[in-house]
Protein backbone atom coordinates (compact mmCIF):
# COMPACT_ATOMS: atom_id res chain seq x y z
CA MET A 1 -41.05 -31.91 -1.18
CA ILE A 2 -39.32 -32.52 2.13
CA TYR A 3 -42.43 -34.37 3.31
CA LEU A 4 -41.75 -37.02 0.65
CA LEU A 5 -38.69 -38.05 2.67
CA GLY A 6 -40.60 -38.79 5.87
CA THR A 7 -42.91 -37.45 8.57
CA TYR A 8 -41.81 -34.25 10.29
CA GLU A 9 -43.22 -31.72 12.73
CA HIS A 10 -45.03 -29.17 10.58
CA ALA A 11 -44.13 -26.16 12.75
CA LEU A 12 -40.42 -27.02 12.65
CA VAL A 13 -40.44 -27.52 8.87
CA ALA A 14 -42.27 -24.22 8.39
CA PHE A 15 -39.74 -22.40 10.58
CA ILE A 16 -36.81 -23.87 8.63
CA GLY A 17 -38.59 -22.91 5.41
CA VAL A 18 -38.90 -19.28 6.54
CA LEU A 19 -35.19 -19.15 7.41
CA PHE A 20 -34.32 -20.71 4.05
CA ALA A 21 -36.49 -18.21 2.16
CA PHE A 22 -34.93 -15.27 4.01
CA ALA A 23 -31.37 -16.44 3.40
CA ALA A 24 -32.06 -17.34 -0.24
CA THR A 25 -33.65 -13.94 -0.87
CA CYS A 26 -30.68 -12.07 0.59
CA ILE A 27 -28.20 -14.12 -1.45
CA ALA A 28 -30.25 -13.84 -4.67
CA ILE A 29 -30.59 -10.05 -4.36
CA ALA A 30 -26.84 -9.69 -3.84
CA LYS A 31 -25.95 -11.95 -6.78
CA LEU A 32 -28.70 -11.04 -9.28
CA ASN A 33 -29.17 -7.35 -8.62
CA GLY A 34 -27.11 -6.43 -11.69
CA TYR A 35 -29.37 -8.44 -13.99
CA LEU A 36 -32.57 -6.59 -13.07
CA PRO A 37 -34.05 -4.05 -15.54
CA LYS A 38 -33.21 -0.41 -14.90
CA ASP A 39 -35.69 2.35 -14.17
CA MET A 40 -35.98 4.83 -17.05
CA GLY A 41 -37.28 7.62 -14.85
CA ARG A 42 -40.83 8.48 -13.95
CA GLN A 43 -42.20 11.28 -16.05
CA TYR A 44 -45.10 12.31 -13.82
CA ALA A 45 -43.65 11.45 -10.41
CA HIS A 46 -42.02 13.97 -8.09
CA ASP A 47 -38.27 13.92 -8.75
CA GLY A 48 -38.90 10.98 -11.07
CA ALA A 49 -35.64 11.60 -12.92
CA LEU A 50 -33.72 10.68 -9.78
CA SER A 51 -34.92 7.07 -10.08
CA ALA A 52 -33.45 6.65 -13.57
CA GLY A 53 -30.88 3.86 -13.71
CA LYS A 54 -31.96 2.20 -10.49
CA PRO A 55 -32.80 -1.54 -10.63
CA ARG A 56 -36.46 -2.46 -10.65
CA GLY A 57 -38.50 -5.65 -10.82
CA ALA A 58 -36.86 -7.13 -7.72
CA GLY A 59 -40.20 -8.76 -6.97
CA ILE A 60 -39.28 -11.57 -9.34
CA ILE A 61 -36.50 -12.56 -6.92
CA PHE A 62 -38.89 -12.50 -3.96
CA VAL A 63 -41.59 -14.48 -5.75
CA LEU A 64 -39.32 -17.15 -7.23
CA THR A 65 -37.61 -17.59 -3.86
CA PHE A 66 -41.00 -17.93 -2.20
CA VAL A 67 -42.16 -20.50 -4.77
CA VAL A 68 -39.00 -22.58 -4.42
CA SER A 69 -39.27 -22.47 -0.62
CA ALA A 70 -42.93 -23.49 -0.78
CA LEU A 71 -42.11 -26.44 -3.06
CA LEU A 72 -39.29 -27.58 -0.79
CA PHE A 73 -40.89 -27.13 2.62
CA GLY A 74 -44.64 -27.04 2.02
CA LYS A 75 -47.23 -29.78 1.71
CA MET A 76 -48.03 -29.83 -1.99
CA ASN A 77 -51.18 -30.85 -3.81
CA LYS A 78 -52.65 -30.00 -7.21
CA GLU A 79 -54.52 -26.96 -5.95
CA ILE A 80 -51.48 -25.40 -4.28
CA ILE A 81 -49.33 -26.05 -7.36
CA ILE A 82 -51.88 -24.25 -9.54
CA TYR A 83 -51.76 -21.21 -7.26
CA LEU A 84 -47.94 -21.19 -7.29
CA VAL A 85 -47.93 -21.31 -11.10
CA LEU A 86 -50.39 -18.40 -11.23
CA ILE A 87 -48.22 -16.39 -8.84
CA VAL A 88 -45.21 -16.93 -11.12
CA ILE A 89 -47.25 -15.99 -14.20
CA GLU A 90 -48.47 -12.81 -12.53
CA MET A 91 -44.94 -11.92 -11.48
CA PHE A 92 -43.57 -12.42 -14.97
CA THR A 93 -46.21 -10.11 -16.45
CA GLY A 94 -45.00 -7.35 -14.17
CA PHE A 95 -41.34 -8.16 -14.76
CA PHE A 96 -41.62 -8.12 -18.56
CA ASP A 97 -43.56 -4.87 -18.34
CA ASP A 98 -40.72 -3.36 -16.29
CA ALA A 99 -38.13 -4.70 -18.73
CA ALA A 100 -39.92 -3.50 -21.87
CA GLU A 101 -38.72 -0.31 -23.54
CA LYS A 102 -42.34 0.72 -24.06
CA PRO A 103 -44.80 0.02 -21.21
CA TRP A 104 -47.51 -2.49 -21.99
CA GLY A 105 -50.33 -0.17 -21.03
CA GLU A 106 -52.89 -0.29 -18.25
CA TYR A 107 -55.57 -2.06 -20.30
CA LEU A 108 -53.35 -4.99 -21.30
CA LYS A 109 -52.08 -5.44 -17.74
CA GLY A 110 -55.62 -5.17 -16.40
CA ILE A 111 -56.84 -7.92 -18.77
CA LEU A 112 -53.94 -10.21 -17.80
CA ASP A 113 -54.64 -9.61 -14.10
CA LEU A 114 -58.33 -10.34 -14.67
CA ALA A 115 -57.51 -13.62 -16.45
CA VAL A 116 -55.36 -14.73 -13.51
CA ALA A 117 -58.13 -13.79 -11.06
CA VAL A 118 -60.69 -15.82 -13.03
CA VAL A 119 -58.45 -18.90 -13.04
CA VAL A 120 -57.95 -18.51 -9.27
CA ALA A 121 -61.72 -18.41 -8.69
CA ILE A 122 -62.37 -21.43 -10.92
CA SER A 123 -59.58 -23.44 -9.31
CA TYR A 124 -60.74 -22.65 -5.79
CA LEU A 125 -64.35 -23.65 -6.46
CA HIS A 126 -63.17 -26.83 -8.19
CA TYR A 127 -61.32 -28.01 -5.07
CA ASN A 128 -63.41 -26.34 -2.35
CA SER A 129 -66.97 -25.44 -1.48
CA SER A 130 -68.45 -21.95 -1.47
CA GLU A 131 -68.78 -21.93 2.31
CA ILE A 132 -66.96 -19.43 4.48
CA THR A 133 -66.44 -19.77 8.22
CA ILE A 134 -65.99 -16.85 10.59
CA ALA A 135 -63.18 -18.17 12.77
CA ILE A 136 -63.98 -16.17 15.90
CA THR A 137 -67.65 -17.13 16.10
CA GLY A 138 -67.50 -20.44 14.21
CA THR A 139 -70.43 -19.32 12.04
CA THR A 140 -70.61 -20.94 8.59
CA ILE A 141 -72.15 -19.04 5.69
CA VAL A 142 -72.99 -20.68 2.36
CA ILE A 143 -72.60 -18.35 -0.63
CA PRO A 144 -73.99 -19.25 -4.08
CA PRO A 145 -71.06 -20.45 -6.25
CA VAL A 146 -71.59 -17.80 -8.92
CA VAL A 147 -71.61 -15.00 -6.36
CA PHE A 148 -68.61 -16.58 -4.61
CA ALA A 149 -66.69 -16.70 -7.91
CA ILE A 150 -67.47 -13.06 -8.70
CA LEU A 151 -66.39 -11.94 -5.24
CA THR A 152 -63.20 -14.01 -5.54
CA VAL A 153 -62.34 -12.46 -8.92
CA ILE A 154 -62.90 -8.97 -7.52
CA LEU A 155 -60.82 -9.72 -4.40
CA VAL A 156 -57.87 -11.16 -6.34
CA TRP A 157 -57.97 -8.50 -9.07
CA VAL A 158 -58.11 -5.66 -6.56
CA SER A 159 -55.34 -7.27 -4.48
CA ILE A 160 -53.06 -7.45 -7.52
CA ASN A 161 -53.62 -3.80 -8.38
CA VAL A 162 -53.20 -2.69 -4.76
CA THR A 163 -49.85 -4.46 -4.84
CA ASN A 164 -48.92 -2.59 -8.02
CA CYS A 165 -49.95 0.71 -6.46
CA SER A 166 -47.67 -0.07 -3.52
CA ASP A 167 -44.63 -0.07 -5.83
CA GLY A 168 -44.87 -3.75 -6.70
CA VAL A 169 -44.21 -6.89 -4.72
CA ASP A 170 -40.92 -5.61 -3.38
CA GLY A 171 -42.60 -2.51 -1.94
CA LEU A 172 -45.33 -4.52 -0.23
CA SER A 173 -43.35 -7.50 1.08
CA GLY A 174 -42.55 -6.03 4.48
CA THR A 175 -46.17 -5.13 5.25
CA LEU A 176 -47.48 -8.47 4.00
CA THR A 177 -44.91 -10.32 6.11
CA ILE A 178 -46.06 -8.59 9.30
CA ILE A 179 -49.75 -9.10 8.49
CA THR A 180 -49.18 -12.77 7.60
CA LEU A 181 -47.26 -13.55 10.78
CA MET A 182 -49.88 -11.88 12.97
CA SER A 183 -52.73 -13.60 11.11
CA VAL A 184 -51.07 -17.01 11.44
CA PHE A 185 -50.54 -16.42 15.17
CA VAL A 186 -54.17 -15.38 15.77
CA LEU A 187 -55.75 -18.11 13.63
CA ASP A 188 -53.39 -20.72 15.06
CA ASN A 189 -54.58 -19.94 18.57
CA ILE A 190 -58.23 -19.91 17.51
CA LEU A 191 -58.36 -22.90 15.20
CA LYS A 192 -55.56 -25.19 16.35
CA VAL A 193 -57.40 -27.42 18.77
CA ASN A 194 -55.98 -30.78 17.76
CA ASP A 195 -55.31 -34.17 19.29
CA SER A 196 -56.56 -34.35 22.89
CA PHE A 197 -57.07 -30.60 23.25
CA ASN A 198 -60.52 -29.16 23.83
CA ALA A 199 -61.54 -25.53 23.57
CA VAL A 200 -64.51 -23.78 25.16
CA PHE A 201 -65.70 -20.29 24.22
CA VAL A 202 -67.39 -18.39 27.05
CA HIS A 203 -69.13 -15.02 26.96
CA GLY A 204 -69.60 -13.04 30.15
CA ASP A 205 -71.06 -9.63 30.91
CA ALA A 206 -67.83 -8.47 32.52
CA VAL A 207 -65.13 -10.52 30.77
CA ASP A 208 -66.79 -10.42 27.32
CA ASP A 209 -65.49 -13.26 25.09
CA ALA A 210 -62.97 -15.73 26.52
CA MET A 211 -61.50 -19.01 25.30
CA PHE A 212 -60.20 -21.80 27.53
CA GLN A 213 -58.08 -24.55 26.04
CA GLY A 214 -56.61 -27.67 27.58
CA ARG A 215 -56.17 -31.39 27.21
CA GLY A 216 -59.24 -33.53 27.68
CA ALA A 217 -57.51 -36.88 27.27
CA GLY A 218 -54.10 -38.48 27.49
CA GLU A 219 -52.08 -40.22 30.18
CA PHE A 220 -51.51 -37.39 32.66
CA PRO A 221 -54.65 -35.26 32.04
CA THR A 222 -56.87 -38.33 32.47
CA ALA A 223 -54.97 -39.44 35.58
CA SER A 224 -55.29 -35.95 37.06
CA ALA A 225 -59.06 -35.89 36.47
CA VAL A 226 -59.58 -39.40 37.89
CA VAL A 227 -57.46 -38.75 40.99
CA GLY A 228 -59.29 -35.46 41.50
CA ASP A 229 -62.65 -37.25 41.40
CA VAL A 230 -61.40 -39.94 43.81
CA ILE A 231 -60.17 -37.35 46.31
CA ALA A 232 -63.41 -35.37 46.03
CA THR A 233 -65.45 -38.54 46.64
CA ALA A 234 -63.31 -39.49 49.66
CA ARG A 235 -63.78 -36.04 51.20
CA ASN A 236 -67.54 -36.20 50.61
CA MET A 237 -67.63 -39.59 52.39
CA GLN A 238 -65.54 -38.23 55.24
CA TYR A 239 -67.83 -35.24 55.81
CA ASP A 240 -70.98 -37.27 55.04
CA CYS A 241 -72.17 -34.85 52.38
CA CYS A 242 -72.75 -34.68 48.67
CA GLY A 243 -71.15 -31.97 46.65
CA ARG A 244 -69.25 -29.83 49.16
CA ILE A 245 -68.92 -27.12 46.50
CA GLY A 246 -72.68 -26.90 46.26
CA CYS A 247 -73.27 -28.62 42.93
CA SER A 248 -77.01 -29.10 42.37
CA CYS A 249 -76.36 -32.11 40.12
CA TYR A 250 -76.41 -34.34 43.21
CA LYS A 251 -79.97 -33.33 44.08
CA ASN A 252 -83.26 -34.39 42.57
CA LEU A 253 -84.69 -30.94 41.90
CA PRO A 254 -87.67 -30.10 39.70
CA MET A 255 -86.94 -28.25 36.47
CA GLN A 256 -88.17 -24.70 36.12
CA PRO A 257 -90.74 -24.25 33.34
CA GLY A 258 -89.27 -22.70 30.20
CA GLY A 259 -91.77 -19.86 30.25
CA ASP A 260 -90.58 -18.73 33.70
CA SER A 261 -86.93 -18.41 32.72
CA ARG A 262 -85.45 -15.00 31.98
CA HIS A 263 -83.15 -14.48 29.04
CA ARG A 264 -81.77 -11.76 26.80
């Protein structure tokens, strides 16, 4: 929503959004903790009676704070809004189950989770293709839409239940935060080659995979390259030679036949 007011640096807005979400979560937990449903004790858990009376369902605070922060500081479109609505729906199913005097049952919760997963798969394929790209290698793989949808449903459904097994959203938030920050850092360095930046991936026997990134255009990078070429040309003229570094591109050499070249 903040982008409706003007054009801002995305990284700065994202950073402010993270700070806002953190502060809002702390304040909301302190103010709304008394309104959360209370644990009735866990019959089959070790020392389950000790948890009786403790607040539960705090994930609703985390999720609603996240959604509000995303709406305020994120770039919104129809697809993202659909996902945010589904996140809220999924959170409310867990919250109402926690608040109910009688648990809903595993089958009912499983069906609701499956319905959300199906809507996620349909929405994603409606707005995107069924291609996946391996970021490190840049390889693109096209998966049949039906297979892609089935895999998406399985991934989302399993993710929801893994979250539940980890004591809900509140029990998994710390781990997800660390994983998300590390993933954003890695992918940002791999994929963020914008504007005048160029990136070259090199594989060597000793160094393995390496990536070199730098500006290929712009006022100072271009000036540096031009001046470097001028100085190199002047030195070549002074020493009456071509390519003092031994570059074969100055020489008219015959090409080696392809059958004589060695490769692995």
